[in-house]
Amino acid sequence: MARTVWDSSVGKKTVMAVSGLIMLLYLVVHMIGNLKIFFGPGEFNHYAHWLRTVGEPFMHYEWTLWLVRVVLVAAVVAHATSAYQLSRRDIRARPGKYVHRKARTSYATRTMRWGGTILGLFIVWHVLDLTTGTVHSGGFQPGHPYQNVVDTFSTWYGNVIYIVAVLALGLHIRHGFWSAAQTLGVGSRTRDRALKTGADVLALLLTAGFLAVPVGVMTGVVS
């Protein structure tokens, strides 16, 4: 039954919707955590340490964090795989391009595929930069996330990569949230405006919240 559901377009869209909402929930929590950087290195570093001790003593050190990571990786893989397969299915069903672009097609809708690719590449870079320190500038300091964040956003390329990714994320959420609601049967004619407004507000808040950190470093508010 699971294979039958997965092979259908509806099944793939449902997987995309559910995995997208899981990632969206994580992004909201992640953004709130990021904003703690404005309260100073002590507060931010303490928060980063707390993430590794959540659930103790029942959960061992970092077990909860690794559990969250596994769920997120599964959500990202499921989202990307279903998106790719739906895209290929759409291309096979319509090998020729439309002569005229569909009316009312938003910029976010037309750039969902490019946005997803940008975000996928950014996730890899972000992990290598601030989690493993592989591509980090200024000398990665394990256990000092505040200084590592400041180092990253003290470089022009660190800011460019992050800002481009956050803008792509905002567009992705703006369309994806509404699309997920339609797929899961939440949308209707009466709720359409409210859902679209909610998607706009959520995308704007997340974009502003994530951009606040590099802007804070660039302006010297965070140093």
N, C-alpha and C. Protein backbone atom coordinates (compact mmCIF):
# COMPACT_ATOMS: atom_id res chain seq x y z
N MET A 1 0.83 -1.20 0.00
CA MET A 1 0.00 0.00 0.00
C MET A 1 0.87 1.26 0.00
N ALA A 2 1.95 1.21 0.80
CA ALA A 2 2.85 2.36 0.87
C ALA A 2 3.47 2.65 -0.50
N ARG A 3 3.85 1.57 -1.22
CA ARG A 3 4.45 1.75 -2.55
C ARG A 3 3.43 2.32 -3.52
N THR A 4 2.18 1.87 -3.43
CA THR A 4 1.13 2.37 -4.31
C THR A 4 0.90 3.86 -4.08
N VAL A 5 0.86 4.26 -2.79
CA VAL A 5 0.68 5.67 -2.45
C VAL A 5 1.85 6.50 -2.96
N TRP A 6 3.08 5.99 -2.77
CA TRP A 6 4.27 6.73 -3.18
C TRP A 6 4.34 6.89 -4.70
N ASP A 7 3.89 5.88 -5.43
CA ASP A 7 3.95 5.94 -6.89
C ASP A 7 2.95 6.92 -7.49
N SER A 8 1.94 7.29 -6.73
CA SER A 8 0.94 8.22 -7.25
C SER A 8 1.39 9.67 -7.06
N SER A 9 0.92 10.54 -7.93
CA SER A 9 1.26 11.95 -7.82
C SER A 9 0.72 12.55 -6.51
N VAL A 10 -0.47 12.12 -6.12
CA VAL A 10 -1.06 12.61 -4.88
C VAL A 10 -0.19 12.21 -3.69
N GLY A 11 0.30 10.96 -3.72
CA GLY A 11 1.16 10.48 -2.64
C GLY A 11 2.44 11.29 -2.54
N LYS A 12 3.07 11.56 -3.68
CA LYS A 12 4.31 12.35 -3.68
C LYS A 12 4.06 13.77 -3.19
N LYS A 13 2.93 14.36 -3.60
CA LYS A 13 2.60 15.70 -3.15
C LYS A 13 2.33 15.74 -1.65
N THR A 14 1.73 14.67 -1.13
CA THR A 14 1.49 14.58 0.31
C THR A 14 2.81 14.48 1.07
N VAL A 15 3.73 13.67 0.55
CA VAL A 15 5.06 13.56 1.17
C VAL A 15 5.76 14.92 1.15
N MET A 16 5.65 15.62 0.03
CA MET A 16 6.24 16.96 -0.06
C MET A 16 5.64 17.90 0.97
N ALA A 17 4.33 17.85 1.13
CA ALA A 17 3.63 18.75 2.04
C ALA A 17 4.03 18.47 3.49
N VAL A 18 3.98 17.21 3.89
CA VAL A 18 4.29 16.84 5.27
C VAL A 18 5.75 17.12 5.60
N SER A 19 6.67 16.72 4.72
CA SER A 19 8.09 16.97 4.96
C SER A 19 8.39 18.46 4.97
N GLY A 20 7.70 19.22 4.12
CA GLY A 20 7.88 20.66 4.09
C GLY A 20 7.44 21.31 5.39
N LEU A 21 6.33 20.84 5.95
CA LEU A 21 5.84 21.40 7.22
C LEU A 21 6.77 21.05 8.38
N ILE A 22 7.38 19.86 8.34
CA ILE A 22 8.36 19.48 9.36
C ILE A 22 9.55 20.44 9.31
N MET A 23 10.03 20.71 8.10
CA MET A 23 11.16 21.63 7.95
C MET A 23 10.78 23.05 8.34
N LEU A 24 9.54 23.43 8.04
CA LEU A 24 9.07 24.77 8.39
C LEU A 24 9.04 24.95 9.91
N LEU A 25 8.56 23.94 10.62
CA LEU A 25 8.55 24.00 12.08
C LEU A 25 9.96 24.15 12.63
N TYR A 26 10.89 23.41 12.04
CA TYR A 26 12.30 23.52 12.46
C TYR A 26 12.84 24.92 12.20
N LEU A 27 12.50 25.49 11.05
CA LEU A 27 12.99 26.82 10.69
C LEU A 27 12.51 27.88 11.68
N VAL A 28 11.26 27.77 12.12
CA VAL A 28 10.74 28.73 13.10
C VAL A 28 11.53 28.65 14.39
N VAL A 29 11.76 27.42 14.88
CA VAL A 29 12.53 27.23 16.11
C VAL A 29 13.97 27.70 15.92
N HIS A 30 14.54 27.37 14.77
CA HIS A 30 15.93 27.73 14.47
C HIS A 30 16.10 29.25 14.42
N MET A 31 15.14 29.93 13.81
CA MET A 31 15.21 31.39 13.73
C MET A 31 15.17 32.02 15.12
N ILE A 32 14.26 31.53 15.97
CA ILE A 32 14.16 32.07 17.33
C ILE A 32 15.48 31.85 18.08
N GLY A 33 16.07 30.67 17.90
CA GLY A 33 17.36 30.41 18.53
C GLY A 33 18.45 31.32 18.00
N ASN A 34 18.46 31.56 16.69
CA ASN A 34 19.46 32.45 16.10
C ASN A 34 19.41 33.86 16.68
N LEU A 35 18.21 34.34 16.96
CA LEU A 35 18.05 35.70 17.45
C LEU A 35 18.64 35.89 18.86
N LYS A 36 18.94 34.80 19.54
CA LYS A 36 19.58 34.90 20.86
C LYS A 36 20.98 35.50 20.76
N ILE A 37 21.51 35.55 19.54
CA ILE A 37 22.85 36.12 19.36
C ILE A 37 22.88 37.60 19.74
N PHE A 38 21.74 38.26 19.70
CA PHE A 38 21.67 39.68 20.05
C PHE A 38 21.75 39.92 21.56
N PHE A 39 21.70 38.83 22.34
CA PHE A 39 21.82 38.95 23.79
C PHE A 39 23.24 38.69 24.28
N GLY A 40 24.17 38.53 23.33
CA GLY A 40 25.57 38.40 23.70
C GLY A 40 26.10 36.98 23.59
N PRO A 41 27.43 36.84 23.61
CA PRO A 41 28.05 35.52 23.44
C PRO A 41 27.69 34.54 24.53
N GLY A 42 27.57 35.00 25.78
CA GLY A 42 27.24 34.10 26.88
C GLY A 42 25.89 33.42 26.67
N GLU A 43 24.88 34.21 26.32
CA GLU A 43 23.54 33.69 26.10
C GLU A 43 23.50 32.75 24.90
N PHE A 44 24.15 33.16 23.82
CA PHE A 44 24.11 32.37 22.59
C PHE A 44 24.86 31.04 22.75
N ASN A 45 26.05 31.09 23.35
CA ASN A 45 26.84 29.88 23.55
C ASN A 45 26.15 28.94 24.53
N HIS A 46 25.50 29.50 25.55
CA HIS A 46 24.77 28.68 26.52
C HIS A 46 23.61 27.96 25.83
N TYR A 47 22.92 28.66 24.93
CA TYR A 47 21.82 28.06 24.18
C TYR A 47 22.33 26.90 23.32
N ALA A 48 23.47 27.11 22.65
CA ALA A 48 24.04 26.06 21.79
C ALA A 48 24.41 24.83 22.63
N HIS A 49 24.93 25.06 23.84
CA HIS A 49 25.27 23.95 24.72
C HIS A 49 24.00 23.24 25.19
N TRP A 50 22.96 24.01 25.50
CA TRP A 50 21.70 23.43 25.97
C TRP A 50 21.10 22.49 24.94
N LEU A 51 21.23 22.83 23.66
CA LEU A 51 20.71 21.96 22.59
C LEU A 51 21.29 20.56 22.67
N ARG A 52 22.52 20.45 23.17
CA ARG A 52 23.19 19.15 23.25
C ARG A 52 22.84 18.38 24.52
N THR A 53 22.18 19.04 25.45
CA THR A 53 21.85 18.38 26.71
C THR A 53 20.34 18.19 26.89
N VAL A 54 19.55 18.54 25.88
CA VAL A 54 18.10 18.39 25.97
C VAL A 54 17.74 16.92 26.23
N GLY A 55 16.90 16.69 27.19
CA GLY A 55 16.46 15.33 27.49
C GLY A 55 17.28 14.59 28.53
N GLU A 56 18.41 15.19 28.97
CA GLU A 56 19.21 14.54 30.00
C GLU A 56 18.46 14.56 31.33
N PRO A 57 18.63 13.52 32.17
CA PRO A 57 19.54 12.37 32.01
C PRO A 57 18.94 11.19 31.25
N PHE A 58 17.63 11.28 30.90
CA PHE A 58 17.01 10.17 30.18
C PHE A 58 17.72 9.96 28.84
N MET A 59 17.95 11.04 28.11
CA MET A 59 18.68 10.97 26.84
C MET A 59 20.15 11.28 27.09
N HIS A 60 21.03 10.55 26.44
CA HIS A 60 22.46 10.79 26.58
C HIS A 60 22.83 12.11 25.91
N TYR A 61 24.02 12.61 26.21
CA TYR A 61 24.51 13.87 25.64
C TYR A 61 24.44 13.83 24.11
N GLU A 62 23.74 14.80 23.52
CA GLU A 62 23.58 14.99 22.07
C GLU A 62 22.62 14.00 21.41
N TRP A 63 22.04 13.07 22.16
CA TRP A 63 21.13 12.11 21.53
C TRP A 63 19.90 12.80 20.94
N THR A 64 19.33 13.73 21.70
CA THR A 64 18.15 14.43 21.20
C THR A 64 18.50 15.25 19.96
N LEU A 65 19.65 15.91 19.99
CA LEU A 65 20.09 16.71 18.84
C LEU A 65 20.27 15.83 17.61
N TRP A 66 20.86 14.65 17.80
CA TRP A 66 21.04 13.75 16.67
C TRP A 66 19.72 13.19 16.17
N LEU A 67 18.76 12.99 17.08
CA LEU A 67 17.44 12.54 16.67
C LEU A 67 16.77 13.58 15.78
N VAL A 68 16.90 14.86 16.17
CA VAL A 68 16.35 15.95 15.37
C VAL A 68 17.04 16.00 14.01
N ARG A 69 18.34 15.81 13.99
CA ARG A 69 19.09 15.83 12.74
C ARG A 69 18.64 14.71 11.80
N VAL A 70 18.42 13.51 12.35
CA VAL A 70 17.98 12.38 11.53
C VAL A 70 16.61 12.66 10.91
N VAL A 71 15.69 13.20 11.72
CA VAL A 71 14.36 13.54 11.22
C VAL A 71 14.46 14.59 10.12
N LEU A 72 15.31 15.59 10.33
CA LEU A 72 15.47 16.66 9.33
C LEU A 72 16.06 16.13 8.03
N VAL A 73 17.08 15.29 8.13
CA VAL A 73 17.69 14.71 6.93
C VAL A 73 16.65 13.89 6.17
N ALA A 74 15.86 13.10 6.90
CA ALA A 74 14.81 12.30 6.27
C ALA A 74 13.79 13.20 5.57
N ALA A 75 13.43 14.32 6.22
CA ALA A 75 12.47 15.25 5.64
C ALA A 75 13.03 15.90 4.38
N VAL A 76 14.30 16.30 4.43
CA VAL A 76 14.94 16.95 3.28
C VAL A 76 15.02 15.98 2.10
N VAL A 77 15.44 14.73 2.37
CA VAL A 77 15.57 13.73 1.31
C VAL A 77 14.20 13.42 0.71
N ALA A 78 13.19 13.23 1.57
CA ALA A 78 11.84 12.93 1.09
C ALA A 78 11.29 14.09 0.26
N HIS A 79 11.52 15.31 0.72
CA HIS A 79 11.02 16.50 0.03
C HIS A 79 11.70 16.66 -1.33
N ALA A 80 13.02 16.52 -1.34
CA ALA A 80 13.77 16.69 -2.59
C ALA A 80 13.45 15.59 -3.59
N THR A 81 13.35 14.35 -3.11
CA THR A 81 13.07 13.22 -4.00
C THR A 81 11.69 13.33 -4.63
N SER A 82 10.70 13.63 -3.81
CA SER A 82 9.33 13.75 -4.34
C SER A 82 9.23 14.93 -5.30
N ALA A 83 9.92 16.04 -4.98
CA ALA A 83 9.89 17.20 -5.85
C ALA A 83 10.54 16.88 -7.20
N TYR A 84 11.67 16.21 -7.17
CA TYR A 84 12.37 15.85 -8.41
C TYR A 84 11.52 14.91 -9.27
N GLN A 85 10.94 13.89 -8.63
CA GLN A 85 10.15 12.92 -9.39
C GLN A 85 8.87 13.54 -9.96
N LEU A 86 8.25 14.43 -9.20
CA LEU A 86 7.07 15.12 -9.72
C LEU A 86 7.44 16.02 -10.89
N SER A 87 8.60 16.66 -10.78
CA SER A 87 9.07 17.54 -11.86
C SER A 87 9.32 16.73 -13.13
N ARG A 88 9.98 15.57 -12.99
CA ARG A 88 10.25 14.72 -14.14
C ARG A 88 8.95 14.20 -14.75
N ARG A 89 8.00 13.87 -13.89
CA ARG A 89 6.70 13.38 -14.37
C ARG A 89 5.97 14.47 -15.14
N ASP A 90 6.08 15.70 -14.65
CA ASP A 90 5.43 16.83 -15.31
C ASP A 90 6.06 17.09 -16.68
N ILE A 91 7.38 16.97 -16.75
CA ILE A 91 8.08 17.20 -18.02
C ILE A 91 7.71 16.12 -19.04
N ARG A 92 7.63 14.86 -18.59
CA ARG A 92 7.26 13.77 -19.50
C ARG A 92 5.84 13.93 -20.01
N ALA A 93 4.95 14.44 -19.15
CA ALA A 93 3.56 14.64 -19.56
C ALA A 93 3.39 15.82 -20.49
N ARG A 94 4.34 16.78 -20.39
CA ARG A 94 4.25 17.99 -21.22
C ARG A 94 5.65 18.32 -21.73
N PRO A 95 6.18 17.55 -22.71
CA PRO A 95 7.54 17.76 -23.20
C PRO A 95 7.76 19.11 -23.85
N GLY A 96 6.72 19.71 -24.42
CA GLY A 96 6.84 21.01 -25.06
C GLY A 96 6.49 22.13 -24.11
N LYS A 97 7.15 23.26 -24.22
CA LYS A 97 6.86 24.40 -23.36
C LYS A 97 5.57 25.09 -23.78
N TYR A 98 4.92 25.71 -22.81
CA TYR A 98 3.74 26.49 -23.13
C TYR A 98 4.12 27.68 -24.01
N VAL A 99 3.26 27.96 -25.00
CA VAL A 99 3.51 29.12 -25.85
C VAL A 99 3.37 30.39 -25.02
N HIS A 100 2.36 30.42 -24.17
CA HIS A 100 2.15 31.56 -23.29
C HIS A 100 2.25 31.12 -21.85
N ARG A 101 2.88 31.95 -21.04
CA ARG A 101 3.00 31.65 -19.63
C ARG A 101 1.62 31.69 -18.99
N LYS A 102 1.37 30.74 -18.06
CA LYS A 102 0.08 30.68 -17.39
C LYS A 102 -0.21 31.99 -16.66
N ALA A 103 -1.44 32.44 -16.78
CA ALA A 103 -1.85 33.65 -16.08
C ALA A 103 -1.81 33.41 -14.58
N ARG A 104 -1.52 34.46 -13.83
CA ARG A 104 -1.51 34.44 -12.37
C ARG A 104 -0.39 33.59 -11.79
N THR A 105 0.56 33.16 -12.60
CA THR A 105 1.68 32.40 -12.08
C THR A 105 2.66 33.36 -11.42
N SER A 106 2.86 33.19 -10.10
CA SER A 106 3.70 34.12 -9.36
C SER A 106 5.17 33.85 -9.61
N TYR A 107 5.99 34.82 -9.24
CA TYR A 107 7.44 34.67 -9.37
C TYR A 107 7.92 33.51 -8.51
N ALA A 108 7.34 33.38 -7.32
CA ALA A 108 7.73 32.29 -6.42
C ALA A 108 7.45 30.93 -7.04
N THR A 109 6.29 30.81 -7.70
CA THR A 109 5.93 29.54 -8.33
C THR A 109 6.92 29.18 -9.43
N ARG A 110 7.29 30.17 -10.25
CA ARG A 110 8.19 29.90 -11.38
C ARG A 110 9.61 29.59 -10.92
N THR A 111 9.96 29.99 -9.71
CA THR A 111 11.33 29.78 -9.25
C THR A 111 11.43 28.71 -8.16
N MET A 112 10.36 27.92 -7.95
CA MET A 112 10.40 26.89 -6.91
C MET A 112 11.53 25.89 -7.14
N ARG A 113 11.72 25.48 -8.39
CA ARG A 113 12.76 24.49 -8.68
C ARG A 113 14.15 25.06 -8.45
N TRP A 114 14.38 26.27 -8.96
CA TRP A 114 15.68 26.91 -8.74
C TRP A 114 15.89 27.20 -7.26
N GLY A 115 14.83 27.65 -6.59
CA GLY A 115 14.93 27.93 -5.16
C GLY A 115 15.28 26.69 -4.37
N GLY A 116 14.67 25.56 -4.71
CA GLY A 116 14.98 24.32 -4.03
C GLY A 116 16.42 23.90 -4.23
N THR A 117 16.94 24.09 -5.45
CA THR A 117 18.34 23.75 -5.73
C THR A 117 19.28 24.63 -4.92
N ILE A 118 18.99 25.94 -4.89
CA ILE A 118 19.81 26.87 -4.11
C ILE A 118 19.82 26.49 -2.64
N LEU A 119 18.65 26.15 -2.10
CA LEU A 119 18.55 25.79 -0.69
C LEU A 119 19.29 24.49 -0.39
N GLY A 120 19.21 23.54 -1.31
CA GLY A 120 19.93 22.28 -1.12
C GLY A 120 21.43 22.50 -1.05
N LEU A 121 21.95 23.31 -1.96
CA LEU A 121 23.39 23.62 -1.95
C LEU A 121 23.77 24.41 -0.70
N PHE A 122 22.88 25.31 -0.28
CA PHE A 122 23.15 26.12 0.91
C PHE A 122 23.22 25.26 2.17
N ILE A 123 22.34 24.28 2.28
CA ILE A 123 22.36 23.40 3.46
C ILE A 123 23.71 22.72 3.60
N VAL A 124 24.25 22.23 2.48
CA VAL A 124 25.56 21.58 2.49
C VAL A 124 26.63 22.56 2.96
N TRP A 125 26.62 23.78 2.39
CA TRP A 125 27.61 24.79 2.75
C TRP A 125 27.46 25.20 4.22
N HIS A 126 26.22 25.37 4.66
CA HIS A 126 25.95 25.81 6.03
C HIS A 126 26.48 24.80 7.06
N VAL A 127 26.27 23.52 6.79
CA VAL A 127 26.77 22.47 7.68
C VAL A 127 28.29 22.46 7.69
N LEU A 128 28.89 22.55 6.51
CA LEU A 128 30.36 22.55 6.43
C LEU A 128 30.97 23.80 7.05
N ASP A 129 30.21 24.87 7.10
CA ASP A 129 30.71 26.13 7.65
C ASP A 129 30.58 26.19 9.16
N LEU A 130 29.37 25.99 9.68
CA LEU A 130 29.11 26.24 11.10
C LEU A 130 28.93 24.98 11.96
N THR A 131 28.90 23.81 11.34
CA THR A 131 28.79 22.58 12.14
C THR A 131 30.10 21.82 12.16
N THR A 132 30.67 21.56 11.00
CA THR A 132 31.94 20.83 10.95
C THR A 132 33.14 21.77 10.88
N GLY A 133 32.93 23.00 10.41
CA GLY A 133 34.02 23.97 10.30
C GLY A 133 34.94 23.73 9.11
N THR A 134 34.55 22.84 8.21
CA THR A 134 35.41 22.46 7.08
C THR A 134 35.74 23.65 6.17
N VAL A 135 34.73 24.51 5.89
CA VAL A 135 34.96 25.64 4.99
C VAL A 135 34.89 26.96 5.75
N HIS A 136 35.01 26.87 7.07
CA HIS A 136 34.84 28.07 7.89
C HIS A 136 36.04 29.01 7.75
N SER A 137 35.75 30.31 7.76
CA SER A 137 36.81 31.32 7.67
C SER A 137 37.20 31.78 9.07
N GLY A 138 38.43 32.18 9.26
CA GLY A 138 38.85 32.76 10.53
C GLY A 138 39.22 31.76 11.60
N GLY A 139 39.20 30.47 11.29
CA GLY A 139 39.56 29.47 12.28
C GLY A 139 38.37 29.03 13.11
N PHE A 140 37.84 27.85 12.80
CA PHE A 140 36.66 27.34 13.49
C PHE A 140 36.99 27.03 14.95
N GLN A 141 36.09 27.46 15.86
CA GLN A 141 36.28 27.24 17.29
C GLN A 141 35.15 26.37 17.83
N PRO A 142 35.37 25.06 18.01
CA PRO A 142 34.33 24.19 18.56
C PRO A 142 33.89 24.69 19.94
N GLY A 143 32.58 24.73 20.16
CA GLY A 143 32.07 25.18 21.45
C GLY A 143 31.94 26.68 21.57
N HIS A 144 32.25 27.42 20.50
CA HIS A 144 32.12 28.88 20.49
C HIS A 144 31.30 29.33 19.28
N PRO A 145 30.04 28.95 19.21
CA PRO A 145 29.22 29.28 18.03
C PRO A 145 29.07 30.78 17.79
N TYR A 146 29.06 31.59 18.85
CA TYR A 146 28.93 33.04 18.68
C TYR A 146 30.06 33.57 17.82
N GLN A 147 31.30 33.23 18.16
CA GLN A 147 32.44 33.71 17.40
C GLN A 147 32.46 33.14 15.99
N ASN A 148 32.02 31.90 15.84
CA ASN A 148 31.98 31.28 14.51
C ASN A 148 30.99 32.00 13.59
N VAL A 149 29.84 32.38 14.15
CA VAL A 149 28.85 33.12 13.37
C VAL A 149 29.39 34.49 12.97
N VAL A 150 30.04 35.17 13.91
CA VAL A 150 30.62 36.48 13.61
C VAL A 150 31.68 36.36 12.53
N ASP A 151 32.51 35.32 12.60
CA ASP A 151 33.54 35.09 11.58
C ASP A 151 32.91 34.93 10.20
N THR A 152 31.86 34.12 10.12
CA THR A 152 31.21 33.86 8.83
C THR A 152 30.67 35.13 8.20
N PHE A 153 29.99 35.94 9.01
CA PHE A 153 29.35 37.13 8.47
C PHE A 153 30.28 38.35 8.47
N SER A 154 31.54 38.10 8.72
CA SER A 154 32.55 39.15 8.58
C SER A 154 33.21 39.07 7.21
N THR A 155 32.79 38.10 6.40
CA THR A 155 33.31 37.95 5.03
C THR A 155 32.20 38.29 4.04
N TRP A 156 32.59 38.90 2.92
CA TRP A 156 31.58 39.29 1.93
C TRP A 156 30.88 38.09 1.32
N TYR A 157 31.65 37.00 1.07
CA TYR A 157 31.03 35.84 0.43
C TYR A 157 30.11 35.10 1.40
N GLY A 158 30.45 35.12 2.69
CA GLY A 158 29.57 34.50 3.68
C GLY A 158 28.21 35.18 3.71
N ASN A 159 28.23 36.51 3.64
CA ASN A 159 26.99 37.28 3.63
C ASN A 159 26.20 37.06 2.34
N VAL A 160 26.89 37.05 1.20
CA VAL A 160 26.21 36.88 -0.09
C VAL A 160 25.53 35.52 -0.15
N ILE A 161 26.26 34.46 0.21
CA ILE A 161 25.69 33.11 0.17
C ILE A 161 24.47 33.01 1.07
N TYR A 162 24.58 33.53 2.28
CA TYR A 162 23.50 33.43 3.26
C TYR A 162 22.28 34.25 2.83
N ILE A 163 22.51 35.47 2.39
CA ILE A 163 21.39 36.35 2.01
C ILE A 163 20.64 35.81 0.80
N VAL A 164 21.37 35.33 -0.20
CA VAL A 164 20.73 34.75 -1.38
C VAL A 164 19.88 33.54 -0.98
N ALA A 165 20.43 32.70 -0.10
CA ALA A 165 19.70 31.51 0.35
C ALA A 165 18.45 31.88 1.14
N VAL A 166 18.54 32.89 1.99
CA VAL A 166 17.39 33.30 2.80
C VAL A 166 16.29 33.89 1.92
N LEU A 167 16.67 34.67 0.91
CA LEU A 167 15.67 35.22 -0.01
C LEU A 167 14.98 34.10 -0.80
N ALA A 168 15.77 33.11 -1.21
CA ALA A 168 15.19 31.94 -1.89
C ALA A 168 14.25 31.19 -0.95
N LEU A 169 14.64 31.11 0.31
CA LEU A 169 13.80 30.44 1.31
C LEU A 169 12.46 31.16 1.48
N GLY A 170 12.50 32.47 1.52
CA GLY A 170 11.27 33.24 1.67
C GLY A 170 10.30 32.99 0.53
N LEU A 171 10.81 32.98 -0.70
CA LEU A 171 9.96 32.71 -1.85
C LEU A 171 9.43 31.27 -1.82
N HIS A 172 10.29 30.35 -1.39
CA HIS A 172 9.91 28.95 -1.32
C HIS A 172 8.78 28.74 -0.32
N ILE A 173 8.89 29.37 0.84
CA ILE A 173 7.87 29.24 1.88
C ILE A 173 6.58 29.90 1.43
N ARG A 174 6.69 31.06 0.79
CA ARG A 174 5.50 31.81 0.36
C ARG A 174 4.59 30.95 -0.51
N HIS A 175 5.19 30.22 -1.44
CA HIS A 175 4.37 29.36 -2.30
C HIS A 175 4.12 27.99 -1.66
N GLY A 176 5.16 27.45 -1.01
CA GLY A 176 5.07 26.10 -0.48
C GLY A 176 4.04 25.93 0.62
N PHE A 177 3.91 26.92 1.50
CA PHE A 177 2.96 26.83 2.61
C PHE A 177 1.53 26.73 2.07
N TRP A 178 1.22 27.61 1.13
CA TRP A 178 -0.13 27.58 0.53
C TRP A 178 -0.36 26.29 -0.24
N SER A 179 0.65 25.84 -0.97
CA SER A 179 0.53 24.62 -1.76
C SER A 179 0.33 23.41 -0.85
N ALA A 180 1.05 23.37 0.28
CA ALA A 180 0.91 22.26 1.22
C ALA A 180 -0.51 22.22 1.80
N ALA A 181 -1.06 23.39 2.08
CA ALA A 181 -2.42 23.47 2.61
C ALA A 181 -3.42 22.89 1.61
N GLN A 182 -3.23 23.18 0.32
CA GLN A 182 -4.12 22.65 -0.71
C GLN A 182 -3.99 21.13 -0.79
N THR A 183 -2.75 20.64 -0.75
CA THR A 183 -2.51 19.20 -0.86
C THR A 183 -3.14 18.44 0.29
N LEU A 184 -3.05 18.99 1.51
CA LEU A 184 -3.57 18.32 2.69
C LEU A 184 -5.05 18.56 2.92
N GLY A 185 -5.70 19.28 2.00
CA GLY A 185 -7.13 19.47 2.08
C GLY A 185 -7.58 20.56 3.02
N VAL A 186 -6.66 21.41 3.43
CA VAL A 186 -7.00 22.50 4.34
C VAL A 186 -7.59 23.68 3.58
N GLY A 187 -7.14 23.86 2.36
CA GLY A 187 -7.56 25.01 1.57
C GLY A 187 -8.99 24.91 1.08
N SER A 188 -9.59 26.04 0.87
CA SER A 188 -10.94 26.13 0.29
C SER A 188 -11.12 27.55 -0.22
N ARG A 189 -12.21 27.80 -0.90
CA ARG A 189 -12.45 29.14 -1.44
C ARG A 189 -12.53 30.18 -0.33
N THR A 190 -13.15 29.79 0.79
CA THR A 190 -13.31 30.75 1.90
C THR A 190 -12.01 30.97 2.65
N ARG A 191 -11.12 29.96 2.64
CA ARG A 191 -9.87 30.08 3.40
C ARG A 191 -8.69 30.54 2.54
N ASP A 192 -8.89 30.60 1.24
CA ASP A 192 -7.79 30.90 0.32
C ASP A 192 -7.06 32.19 0.68
N ARG A 193 -7.81 33.26 0.86
CA ARG A 193 -7.17 34.55 1.15
C ARG A 193 -6.41 34.49 2.47
N ALA A 194 -7.00 33.88 3.49
CA ALA A 194 -6.35 33.78 4.80
C ALA A 194 -5.06 32.96 4.71
N LEU A 195 -5.10 31.86 3.94
CA LEU A 195 -3.91 31.02 3.79
C LEU A 195 -2.80 31.75 3.04
N LYS A 196 -3.17 32.47 1.98
CA LYS A 196 -2.17 33.21 1.23
C LYS A 196 -1.57 34.34 2.07
N THR A 197 -2.42 35.00 2.86
CA THR A 197 -1.92 36.06 3.74
C THR A 197 -1.00 35.45 4.80
N GLY A 198 -1.40 34.31 5.35
CA GLY A 198 -0.56 33.63 6.34
C GLY A 198 0.77 33.22 5.75
N ALA A 199 0.76 32.74 4.51
CA ALA A 199 2.00 32.35 3.84
C ALA A 199 2.91 33.56 3.64
N ASP A 200 2.33 34.69 3.24
CA ASP A 200 3.11 35.92 3.04
C ASP A 200 3.74 36.40 4.36
N VAL A 201 2.92 36.40 5.42
CA VAL A 201 3.40 36.87 6.73
C VAL A 201 4.50 35.95 7.25
N LEU A 202 4.28 34.63 7.14
CA LEU A 202 5.27 33.67 7.62
C LEU A 202 6.58 33.79 6.85
N ALA A 203 6.48 33.92 5.54
CA ALA A 203 7.69 34.07 4.71
C ALA A 203 8.43 35.35 5.07
N LEU A 204 7.68 36.45 5.28
CA LEU A 204 8.29 37.72 5.62
C LEU A 204 8.99 37.68 6.98
N LEU A 205 8.33 37.08 7.97
CA LEU A 205 8.90 37.00 9.31
C LEU A 205 10.17 36.14 9.34
N LEU A 206 10.12 35.00 8.65
CA LEU A 206 11.30 34.13 8.63
C LEU A 206 12.45 34.78 7.86
N THR A 207 12.13 35.41 6.76
CA THR A 207 13.17 36.09 5.99
C THR A 207 13.83 37.20 6.82
N ALA A 208 13.00 38.03 7.45
CA ALA A 208 13.53 39.13 8.28
C ALA A 208 14.30 38.59 9.47
N GLY A 209 13.78 37.53 10.10
CA GLY A 209 14.44 36.97 11.26
C GLY A 209 15.81 36.39 10.94
N PHE A 210 15.91 35.67 9.85
CA PHE A 210 17.20 35.08 9.47
C PHE A 210 18.18 36.14 8.96
N LEU A 211 17.67 37.15 8.24
CA LEU A 211 18.55 38.21 7.74
C LEU A 211 19.06 39.12 8.86
N ALA A 212 18.36 39.15 9.98
CA ALA A 212 18.75 40.03 11.08
C ALA A 212 20.15 39.72 11.59
N VAL A 213 20.55 38.44 11.55
CA VAL A 213 21.86 38.06 12.09
C VAL A 213 23.01 38.60 11.25
N PRO A 214 23.07 38.34 9.92
CA PRO A 214 24.16 38.92 9.14
C PRO A 214 24.14 40.45 9.14
N VAL A 215 22.94 41.02 9.12
CA VAL A 215 22.84 42.49 9.17
C VAL A 215 23.39 43.00 10.50
N GLY A 216 23.10 42.28 11.58
CA GLY A 216 23.61 42.67 12.89
C GLY A 216 25.12 42.65 12.94
N VAL A 217 25.74 41.63 12.30
CA VAL A 217 27.20 41.56 12.27
C VAL A 217 27.78 42.64 11.38
N MET A 218 27.17 42.86 10.21
CA MET A 218 27.68 43.86 9.26
C MET A 218 27.61 45.27 9.84
N THR A 219 26.60 45.54 10.67
CA THR A 219 26.43 46.88 11.22
C THR A 219 27.15 47.07 12.56
N GLY A 220 27.74 45.99 13.06
CA GLY A 220 28.47 46.09 14.32
C GLY A 220 27.63 45.91 15.56
N VAL A 221 26.33 45.69 15.39
CA VAL A 221 25.46 45.44 16.55
C VAL A 221 25.89 44.14 17.23
N VAL A 222 26.27 43.14 16.42
CA VAL A 222 26.82 41.89 16.92
C VAL A 222 28.28 41.87 16.54
N SER A 223 29.15 41.77 17.53
CA SER A 223 30.60 41.82 17.22
C SER A 223 31.38 41.03 18.25
